[in-house]
Amino acid sequence: MATEAVIVDVVRTPSGRGKPGGELSDIHPADLLAGVLAELVHRNGLDPVLVDDVIAGCVTQSGEQAGNIARTALLSAGFPESVPGVTIDRQCGSSQQAAAFAAQGVIAGAYDIVIACGVESMSRAPMGSNLGGASLGGELLHARYPEGLVNQGVAAELIAERWGFPREELDAFAAESHRRAAEAAASGAFESELVPVPTPDSGSVVADETIRPGTTAEKLAALSPSFRTDRLAARFPQLDWRITPGNSSPLTDGASAALIMSAEAAARLGLRPRARFHSFAVAGSDPLFMLTGILPATRKLLDRSGVKLEDIAAYEVNEAFAPVPLLWLREFGADASRMNPRGGAIALGHALGSSGTRLLGTLLNELEATGGRFGLQTMCEGGGTANATLIERL
């Protein structure tokens, strides 16, 4: 009988605005991650010496986030020195990939107990600062893509243009994300996943800073496009430039962590498995459009799992930019009420390396609240890749 990988618990920090003055901007990213690691083992009564590995997602691995932040954070959390850690980068899907690697390690028999986690302090390690002005590719990449690739915001513009999403639809979707997130927060739906973060002034951050309850499509319509330049406008004259700060995920600080183990280990320790990992998929896509990989990744996941989309109770499709989940919804003919029912990254933030396990926790809590059986999670990623994961509530 194959070993089953189960999820025992998932926790996260509140989402802080990822800029100077944000509520979490005074916290070192290793301390952000250490806080959720410490809370995860504490509230489950787990001796951290039993943890076989800590796998952390982090995108901008420079400055304070350099030097294998998984190891730095677990030591900061007081874990025994015998516990190893590794940091991985699959762009926005880094901690979703960390959870997949953790579960696959359990299924393969390489781990009994493992923590998948992620962190990003976009206020202290700004996106792209790890490049230091260098080019992403050399002569070989340029030869393959002579006109050059583009950033994710321009990719979102290209998607909006090709699939015909007008600015009004993007802004309406963003406003709905804030409405759903504000409603969930007001009802206490996030309380079980949130870990308060102490601040240097002896205060504590207890709620998501990124949710704006009063957001409306009309207010968002007043915002200017974020990614238009004269050079890009000349290269892409067909674009109307409709991606703004309002229909994009905000720069965000945050951390999250998931406790994953074999079903046998959970039984031995007297811990209750809340869900099991059912299926995984990862796919590549056109690096110019970049964010469309969620389509082949989802198709591959559904084919492998044998589960039909209509049998999935909730889907978390990361809201990097509004056209991305809207594209997924249209291509699969999915039920809009099941997608990001508690709001998505436009409202809840997108702390890059943390988002994968953040979505996992929100999805798991939604399944438990509604009695749903299956939950699907998918994440577009820089460079043209995507992850998809299917979990089953127990």
Protein backbone atom coordinates (compact mmCIF):
# COMPACT_ATOMS: atom_id res chain seq x y z
CA MET A 1 0.00 0.00 0.00
CA ALA A 2 1.40 3.41 -1.02
CA THR A 3 2.33 5.88 1.68
CA GLU A 4 -0.21 8.69 1.96
CA ALA A 5 0.92 12.30 2.45
CA VAL A 6 -1.44 14.24 4.70
CA ILE A 7 -1.80 17.85 5.78
CA VAL A 8 -2.05 18.30 9.53
CA ASP A 9 -2.04 22.09 9.72
CA VAL A 10 -1.32 25.30 7.80
CA VAL A 11 -0.66 28.74 9.27
CA ARG A 12 0.30 32.16 7.93
CA THR A 13 1.11 35.67 9.00
CA PRO A 14 -1.26 38.49 8.11
CA SER A 15 -0.44 40.10 4.77
CA GLY A 16 1.46 43.36 5.13
CA ARG A 17 1.90 46.00 2.45
CA GLY A 18 5.28 45.34 0.89
CA LYS A 19 6.69 48.83 1.05
CA PRO A 20 8.40 50.99 3.68
CA GLY A 21 5.87 51.79 6.36
CA GLY A 22 3.92 48.57 5.83
CA GLU A 23 2.89 46.85 9.04
CA LEU A 24 5.42 44.03 8.61
CA SER A 25 8.20 46.08 6.99
CA ASP A 26 10.19 46.36 10.24
CA ILE A 27 10.37 42.56 10.61
CA HIS A 28 13.36 40.66 9.19
CA PRO A 29 12.07 38.04 6.71
CA ALA A 30 13.83 35.22 8.59
CA ASP A 31 11.90 36.28 11.69
CA LEU A 32 8.64 36.37 9.74
CA LEU A 33 9.18 32.78 8.67
CA ALA A 34 10.48 31.73 12.09
CA GLY A 35 7.24 32.92 13.66
CA VAL A 36 5.03 30.64 11.61
CA LEU A 37 7.44 27.70 12.00
CA ALA A 38 7.44 28.06 15.78
CA GLU A 39 3.66 28.41 15.96
CA LEU A 40 3.10 25.44 13.65
CA VAL A 41 4.97 22.99 15.90
CA HIS A 42 3.73 24.60 19.11
CA ARG A 43 0.03 24.41 18.38
CA ASN A 44 0.33 20.80 17.23
CA GLY A 45 2.44 19.72 20.20
CA LEU A 46 5.18 18.49 17.85
CA ASP A 47 8.78 18.15 18.98
CA PRO A 48 10.67 19.87 16.12
CA VAL A 49 13.49 17.34 16.40
CA LEU A 50 11.15 14.97 14.52
CA VAL A 51 11.04 17.22 11.44
CA ASP A 52 13.01 15.58 8.63
CA ASP A 53 13.32 18.73 6.53
CA VAL A 54 12.06 22.28 6.12
CA ILE A 55 11.49 23.25 2.49
CA ALA A 56 10.94 26.99 1.96
CA GLY A 57 9.93 28.97 -1.09
CA CYS A 58 11.51 32.38 -1.59
CA VAL A 59 11.86 34.29 -4.85
CA THR A 60 14.20 37.21 -4.18
CA GLN A 61 17.05 35.34 -2.56
CA SER A 62 19.36 38.28 -1.96
CA GLY A 63 20.18 40.57 0.95
CA GLU A 64 18.28 39.48 4.03
CA GLN A 65 16.66 36.63 2.09
CA ALA A 66 19.96 35.16 0.86
CA GLY A 67 21.96 32.30 2.30
CA ASN A 68 19.21 29.62 2.47
CA ILE A 69 16.56 31.41 4.50
CA ALA A 70 14.89 28.08 5.32
CA ARG A 71 17.85 27.16 7.50
CA THR A 72 18.20 30.66 8.98
CA ALA A 73 14.51 30.75 9.87
CA LEU A 74 14.34 27.32 11.50
CA LEU A 75 17.34 28.16 13.66
CA SER A 76 15.68 31.48 14.52
CA ALA A 77 12.55 29.54 15.50
CA GLY A 78 14.56 27.52 18.03
CA PHE A 79 14.49 24.24 16.10
CA PRO A 80 17.29 21.80 16.97
CA GLU A 81 20.45 22.26 14.92
CA SER A 82 19.94 18.74 13.58
CA VAL A 83 16.95 19.87 11.47
CA PRO A 84 17.97 20.70 7.87
CA GLY A 85 16.39 23.25 5.57
CA VAL A 86 16.44 24.10 1.88
CA THR A 87 15.18 27.10 -0.09
CA ILE A 88 13.71 26.79 -3.59
CA ASP A 89 12.60 29.20 -6.30
CA ARG A 90 9.81 28.45 -8.74
CA GLN A 91 8.88 32.11 -8.80
CA CYS A 92 5.32 32.78 -7.55
CA GLY A 93 4.71 29.06 -7.06
CA SER A 94 7.75 28.49 -4.87
CA SER A 95 5.98 27.35 -1.71
CA GLN A 96 3.33 25.46 -3.67
CA GLN A 97 6.26 23.56 -5.17
CA ALA A 98 7.73 23.22 -1.66
CA ALA A 99 4.50 21.53 -0.55
CA ALA A 100 4.57 19.26 -3.59
CA PHE A 101 8.20 18.29 -2.95
CA ALA A 102 7.38 17.68 0.72
CA ALA A 103 4.39 15.48 -0.07
CA GLN A 104 6.21 13.62 -2.82
CA GLY A 105 9.08 12.98 -0.40
CA VAL A 106 6.62 11.48 2.07
CA ILE A 107 4.98 9.34 -0.62
CA ALA A 108 8.42 8.14 -1.75
CA GLY A 109 9.40 7.21 1.81
CA ALA A 110 12.18 9.82 2.05
CA TYR A 111 10.38 11.78 4.79
CA ASP A 112 8.07 10.99 7.69
CA ILE A 113 7.47 14.59 8.78
CA VAL A 114 8.32 17.70 6.79
CA ILE A 115 7.37 21.38 6.81
CA ALA A 116 6.70 23.20 3.54
CA CYS A 117 6.74 26.95 3.90
CA GLY A 118 7.54 30.24 2.22
CA VAL A 119 8.40 33.85 2.87
CA GLU A 120 8.78 37.11 1.03
CA SER A 121 9.47 40.56 2.42
CA MET A 122 8.90 42.69 -0.64
CA SER A 123 9.49 45.83 1.41
CA ARG A 124 12.99 44.74 2.46
CA ALA A 125 14.04 42.62 -0.54
CA PRO A 126 12.37 44.39 -3.49
CA MET A 127 11.35 42.26 -6.44
CA GLY A 128 14.21 42.06 -8.94
CA SER A 129 16.87 43.26 -6.51
CA ASN A 130 18.59 39.88 -6.76
CA LEU A 131 19.38 40.62 -10.42
CA GLY A 132 21.58 43.58 -9.64
CA GLY A 133 20.84 45.02 -13.07
CA ALA A 134 21.94 41.85 -14.87
CA SER A 135 20.11 40.30 -17.80
CA LEU A 136 18.06 37.16 -17.17
CA GLY A 137 19.58 35.44 -20.18
CA GLY A 138 22.58 35.60 -22.46
CA GLU A 139 23.17 35.25 -26.18
CA LEU A 140 21.43 31.87 -26.46
CA LEU A 141 18.16 33.10 -24.95
CA HIS A 142 18.34 36.25 -27.08
CA ALA A 143 18.81 34.15 -30.18
CA ARG A 144 15.64 32.21 -29.38
CA TYR A 145 13.61 35.32 -28.43
CA PRO A 146 15.26 38.13 -30.41
CA GLU A 147 12.59 40.71 -29.53
CA GLY A 148 13.09 39.95 -25.85
CA LEU A 149 10.75 38.71 -23.15
CA VAL A 150 8.65 41.01 -20.98
CA ASN A 151 7.77 41.42 -17.34
CA GLN A 152 4.69 39.81 -15.83
CA GLY A 153 2.62 42.97 -15.99
CA VAL A 154 3.07 43.20 -19.75
CA ALA A 155 2.26 39.48 -20.01
CA ALA A 156 -1.01 40.23 -18.20
CA GLU A 157 -1.68 43.00 -20.72
CA LEU A 158 -1.10 40.58 -23.59
CA ILE A 159 -3.52 38.08 -22.04
CA ALA A 160 -6.18 40.73 -21.51
CA GLU A 161 -5.83 41.78 -25.14
CA ARG A 162 -5.79 38.30 -26.70
CA TRP A 163 -8.75 37.01 -24.69
CA GLY A 164 -10.68 40.26 -24.83
CA PHE A 165 -11.03 41.20 -21.17
CA PRO A 166 -12.07 44.87 -21.01
CA ARG A 167 -10.78 47.17 -18.28
CA GLU A 168 -14.26 47.29 -16.72
CA GLU A 169 -14.33 43.51 -16.24
CA LEU A 170 -10.85 43.49 -14.69
CA ASP A 171 -11.77 46.22 -12.21
CA ALA A 172 -15.08 44.56 -11.34
CA PHE A 173 -13.25 41.31 -10.63
CA ALA A 174 -10.73 43.11 -8.40
CA ALA A 175 -13.50 44.83 -6.45
CA GLU A 176 -15.21 41.48 -5.92
CA SER A 177 -11.96 40.02 -4.57
CA HIS A 178 -11.84 42.74 -1.92
CA ARG A 179 -15.53 42.27 -1.13
CA ARG A 180 -15.14 38.53 -0.60
CA ALA A 181 -11.97 38.93 1.47
CA ALA A 182 -13.51 41.66 3.63
CA GLU A 183 -16.59 39.51 4.22
CA ALA A 184 -14.44 36.50 5.15
CA ALA A 185 -12.31 38.58 7.51
CA ALA A 186 -15.35 40.10 9.20
CA SER A 187 -16.85 36.64 9.75
CA GLY A 188 -13.64 35.33 11.38
CA ALA A 189 -12.97 32.90 8.54
CA PHE A 190 -9.22 33.60 8.59
CA GLU A 191 -8.73 33.40 12.35
CA SER A 192 -7.65 29.74 12.47
CA GLU A 193 -4.90 30.25 9.89
CA LEU A 194 -3.52 33.60 11.10
CA VAL A 195 -0.50 33.90 13.41
CA PRO A 196 -0.11 37.35 15.03
CA VAL A 197 3.26 38.98 14.37
CA PRO A 198 4.90 40.95 17.21
CA THR A 199 6.33 44.30 16.13
CA PRO A 200 9.38 46.18 17.49
CA ASP A 201 7.12 48.77 19.19
CA SER A 202 5.61 45.98 21.36
CA GLY A 203 2.48 45.88 19.24
CA SER A 204 1.15 43.02 17.14
CA VAL A 205 -0.13 42.65 13.59
CA VAL A 206 -3.24 40.48 13.69
CA ALA A 207 -5.14 41.18 10.44
CA ASP A 208 -4.43 41.51 6.72
CA GLU A 209 -3.36 45.03 5.84
CA THR A 210 -4.00 44.53 2.13
CA ILE A 211 -7.80 44.16 2.22
CA ARG A 212 -9.66 47.36 1.29
CA PRO A 213 -13.35 46.85 2.19
CA GLY A 214 -14.53 50.02 0.45
CA THR A 215 -13.11 49.11 -2.95
CA THR A 216 -15.44 49.58 -5.90
CA ALA A 217 -15.00 49.18 -9.64
CA GLU A 218 -15.77 52.88 -10.00
CA LYS A 219 -12.89 53.85 -7.73
CA LEU A 220 -10.53 51.45 -9.50
CA ALA A 221 -11.44 52.96 -12.86
CA ALA A 222 -9.60 56.16 -11.87
CA LEU A 223 -6.21 54.39 -11.60
CA SER A 224 -3.61 54.71 -14.35
CA PRO A 225 -1.94 51.75 -16.12
CA SER A 226 1.17 50.46 -14.37
CA PHE A 227 3.30 48.99 -17.15
CA ARG A 228 3.04 51.23 -20.20
CA THR A 229 6.27 52.82 -21.44
CA ASP A 230 6.94 54.50 -24.76
CA ARG A 231 9.21 51.63 -25.81
CA LEU A 232 6.64 48.95 -24.94
CA ALA A 233 3.82 50.95 -26.51
CA ALA A 234 5.80 51.02 -29.75
CA ARG A 235 6.44 47.28 -29.57
CA PHE A 236 2.84 46.37 -28.72
CA PRO A 237 0.67 48.99 -30.46
CA GLN A 238 -2.39 46.73 -30.10
CA LEU A 239 -2.49 47.08 -26.31
CA ASP A 240 -4.95 49.39 -24.56
CA TRP A 241 -2.89 49.20 -21.31
CA ARG A 242 -5.53 48.20 -18.81
CA ILE A 243 -3.47 46.61 -15.97
CA THR A 244 -3.34 48.95 -12.95
CA PRO A 245 -2.37 48.72 -9.27
CA GLY A 246 -6.06 48.10 -8.57
CA ASN A 247 -6.49 44.97 -10.69
CA SER A 248 -3.08 43.54 -9.77
CA SER A 249 -1.90 41.87 -6.58
CA PRO A 250 -0.10 44.35 -4.30
CA LEU A 251 3.52 44.11 -3.21
CA THR A 252 3.25 42.12 0.02
CA ASP A 253 5.20 40.95 3.06
CA GLY A 254 4.27 37.60 4.62
CA ALA A 255 5.12 34.02 5.51
CA SER A 256 3.21 30.73 5.74
CA ALA A 257 3.91 27.11 6.63
CA ALA A 258 2.26 23.68 6.29
CA LEU A 259 2.85 20.60 8.44
CA ILE A 260 2.94 17.56 6.15
CA MET A 261 3.57 13.95 7.14
CA SER A 262 2.72 10.36 6.42
CA ALA A 263 -0.64 9.12 7.61
CA GLU A 264 1.23 6.59 9.75
CA ALA A 265 3.27 9.31 11.46
CA ALA A 266 0.12 11.31 12.17
CA ALA A 267 -1.54 8.27 13.75
CA ARG A 268 1.57 7.49 15.79
CA LEU A 269 1.70 11.06 17.14
CA GLY A 270 -2.04 11.31 17.74
CA LEU A 271 -2.43 14.15 15.21
CA ARG A 272 -5.53 14.49 13.06
CA PRO A 273 -4.93 14.66 9.30
CA ARG A 274 -7.14 17.35 7.80
CA ALA A 275 -6.56 16.49 4.14
CA ARG A 276 -4.42 14.36 1.87
CA PHE A 277 -2.53 15.23 -1.27
CA HIS A 278 -4.32 13.61 -4.19
CA SER A 279 -2.48 14.71 -7.36
CA PHE A 280 0.18 17.12 -8.63
CA ALA A 281 1.10 18.69 -11.96
CA VAL A 282 3.56 21.24 -13.27
CA ALA A 283 3.66 22.66 -16.79
CA GLY A 284 5.53 25.11 -18.97
CA SER A 285 3.99 27.70 -21.29
CA ASP A 286 4.89 30.50 -23.69
CA PRO A 287 7.32 32.70 -21.72
CA LEU A 288 6.06 35.83 -23.46
CA PHE A 289 2.50 35.29 -22.22
CA MET A 290 4.07 33.66 -19.17
CA LEU A 291 0.96 33.49 -16.96
CA THR A 292 -1.06 31.03 -19.05
CA GLY A 293 0.64 27.90 -17.68
CA ILE A 294 -2.27 27.40 -15.29
CA LEU A 295 -4.26 26.06 -18.26
CA PRO A 296 -2.00 23.11 -19.24
CA ALA A 297 -1.13 22.48 -15.57
CA THR A 298 -4.82 22.17 -14.67
CA ARG A 299 -5.55 19.95 -17.66
CA LYS A 300 -2.64 17.69 -16.73
CA LEU A 301 -3.82 17.55 -13.11
CA LEU A 302 -7.38 16.64 -14.04
CA ASP A 303 -6.18 13.96 -16.47
CA ARG A 304 -3.87 12.42 -13.87
CA SER A 305 -6.33 12.55 -11.01
CA GLY A 306 -9.41 11.27 -12.82
CA VAL A 307 -11.41 13.84 -10.87
CA LYS A 308 -13.83 16.01 -12.84
CA LEU A 309 -13.84 19.77 -12.39
CA GLU A 310 -17.52 19.75 -11.45
CA ASP A 311 -16.66 17.47 -8.50
CA ILE A 312 -14.18 19.99 -7.07
CA ALA A 313 -15.77 22.09 -4.34
CA ALA A 314 -13.35 25.04 -4.39
CA TYR A 315 -10.49 26.29 -6.52
CA GLU A 316 -7.77 28.74 -5.57
CA VAL A 317 -6.43 30.37 -8.75
CA ASN A 318 -3.80 32.91 -7.78
CA GLU A 319 -4.79 36.46 -8.59
CA ALA A 320 -1.41 37.78 -9.70
CA PHE A 321 -3.37 39.96 -12.14
CA ALA A 322 -7.11 39.92 -12.80
CA PRO A 323 -6.88 38.48 -16.36
CA VAL A 324 -5.25 35.29 -15.05
CA PRO A 325 -8.13 33.82 -12.98
CA LEU A 326 -10.62 35.22 -15.48
CA LEU A 327 -8.82 33.32 -18.26
CA TRP A 328 -8.85 30.11 -16.20
CA LEU A 329 -12.55 30.54 -15.43
CA ARG A 330 -13.42 31.06 -19.09
CA GLU A 331 -11.27 28.25 -20.48
CA PHE A 332 -12.67 25.65 -18.08
CA GLY A 333 -16.23 26.95 -17.91
CA ALA A 334 -15.89 26.75 -14.14
CA ASP A 335 -18.29 27.95 -11.46
CA ALA A 336 -17.22 31.49 -10.53
CA SER A 337 -18.67 31.15 -7.03
CA ARG A 338 -16.22 28.32 -6.27
CA MET A 339 -13.13 30.24 -7.38
CA ASN A 340 -11.32 32.17 -4.64
CA PRO A 341 -14.48 32.25 -2.48
CA ARG A 342 -12.66 34.09 0.32
CA GLY A 343 -11.04 36.58 -2.03
CA GLY A 344 -7.69 36.22 -3.72
CA ALA A 345 -4.28 37.82 -3.95
CA ILE A 346 -5.63 41.13 -5.26
CA ALA A 347 -7.09 41.60 -1.77
CA LEU A 348 -5.12 39.18 0.40
CA GLY A 349 -1.73 40.00 -1.08
CA HIS A 350 0.91 38.04 -2.95
CA ALA A 351 4.04 37.67 -0.84
CA LEU A 352 5.70 35.75 -3.68
CA GLY A 353 7.52 32.92 -1.92
CA SER A 354 4.75 32.53 0.67
CA SER A 355 1.71 32.48 -1.61
CA GLY A 356 1.65 28.76 -2.38
CA THR A 357 1.25 27.58 1.20
CA ARG A 358 -0.95 30.61 1.96
CA LEU A 359 -3.40 29.47 -0.73
CA LEU A 360 -3.19 25.90 0.58
CA GLY A 361 -4.31 26.96 4.05
CA THR A 362 -7.13 29.15 2.78
CA LEU A 363 -8.33 26.35 0.50
CA LEU A 364 -8.24 23.76 3.28
CA ASN A 365 -10.21 26.00 5.63
CA GLU A 366 -12.81 26.66 2.93
CA LEU A 367 -13.28 22.91 2.36
CA GLU A 368 -13.73 22.32 6.09
CA ALA A 369 -16.20 25.19 6.44
CA THR A 370 -18.37 24.01 3.54
CA GLY A 371 -17.91 20.24 3.82
CA GLY A 372 -16.36 20.08 0.35
CA ARG A 373 -14.29 17.05 -0.57
CA PHE A 374 -11.83 18.17 -3.25
CA GLY A 375 -9.91 21.44 -3.59
CA LEU A 376 -7.76 22.56 -6.50
CA GLN A 377 -4.96 25.10 -6.33
CA THR A 378 -3.06 26.53 -9.30
CA MET A 379 -0.46 29.26 -9.62
CA CYS A 380 1.01 31.08 -12.62
CA GLU A 381 4.75 31.69 -12.39
CA GLY A 382 7.38 33.96 -13.88
CA GLY A 383 9.17 32.60 -16.92
CA GLY A 384 6.17 30.62 -18.12
CA THR A 385 5.56 27.75 -15.69
CA ALA A 386 2.67 26.79 -13.41
CA ASN A 387 1.83 24.39 -10.60
CA ALA A 388 -1.45 22.65 -9.91
CA THR A 389 -2.33 20.63 -6.81
CA LEU A 390 -5.42 18.64 -5.84
CA ILE A 391 -6.17 17.93 -2.17
CA GLU A 392 -8.89 15.83 -0.61
CA ARG A 393 -10.42 16.75 2.74
CA LEU A 394 -10.43 13.93 5.29
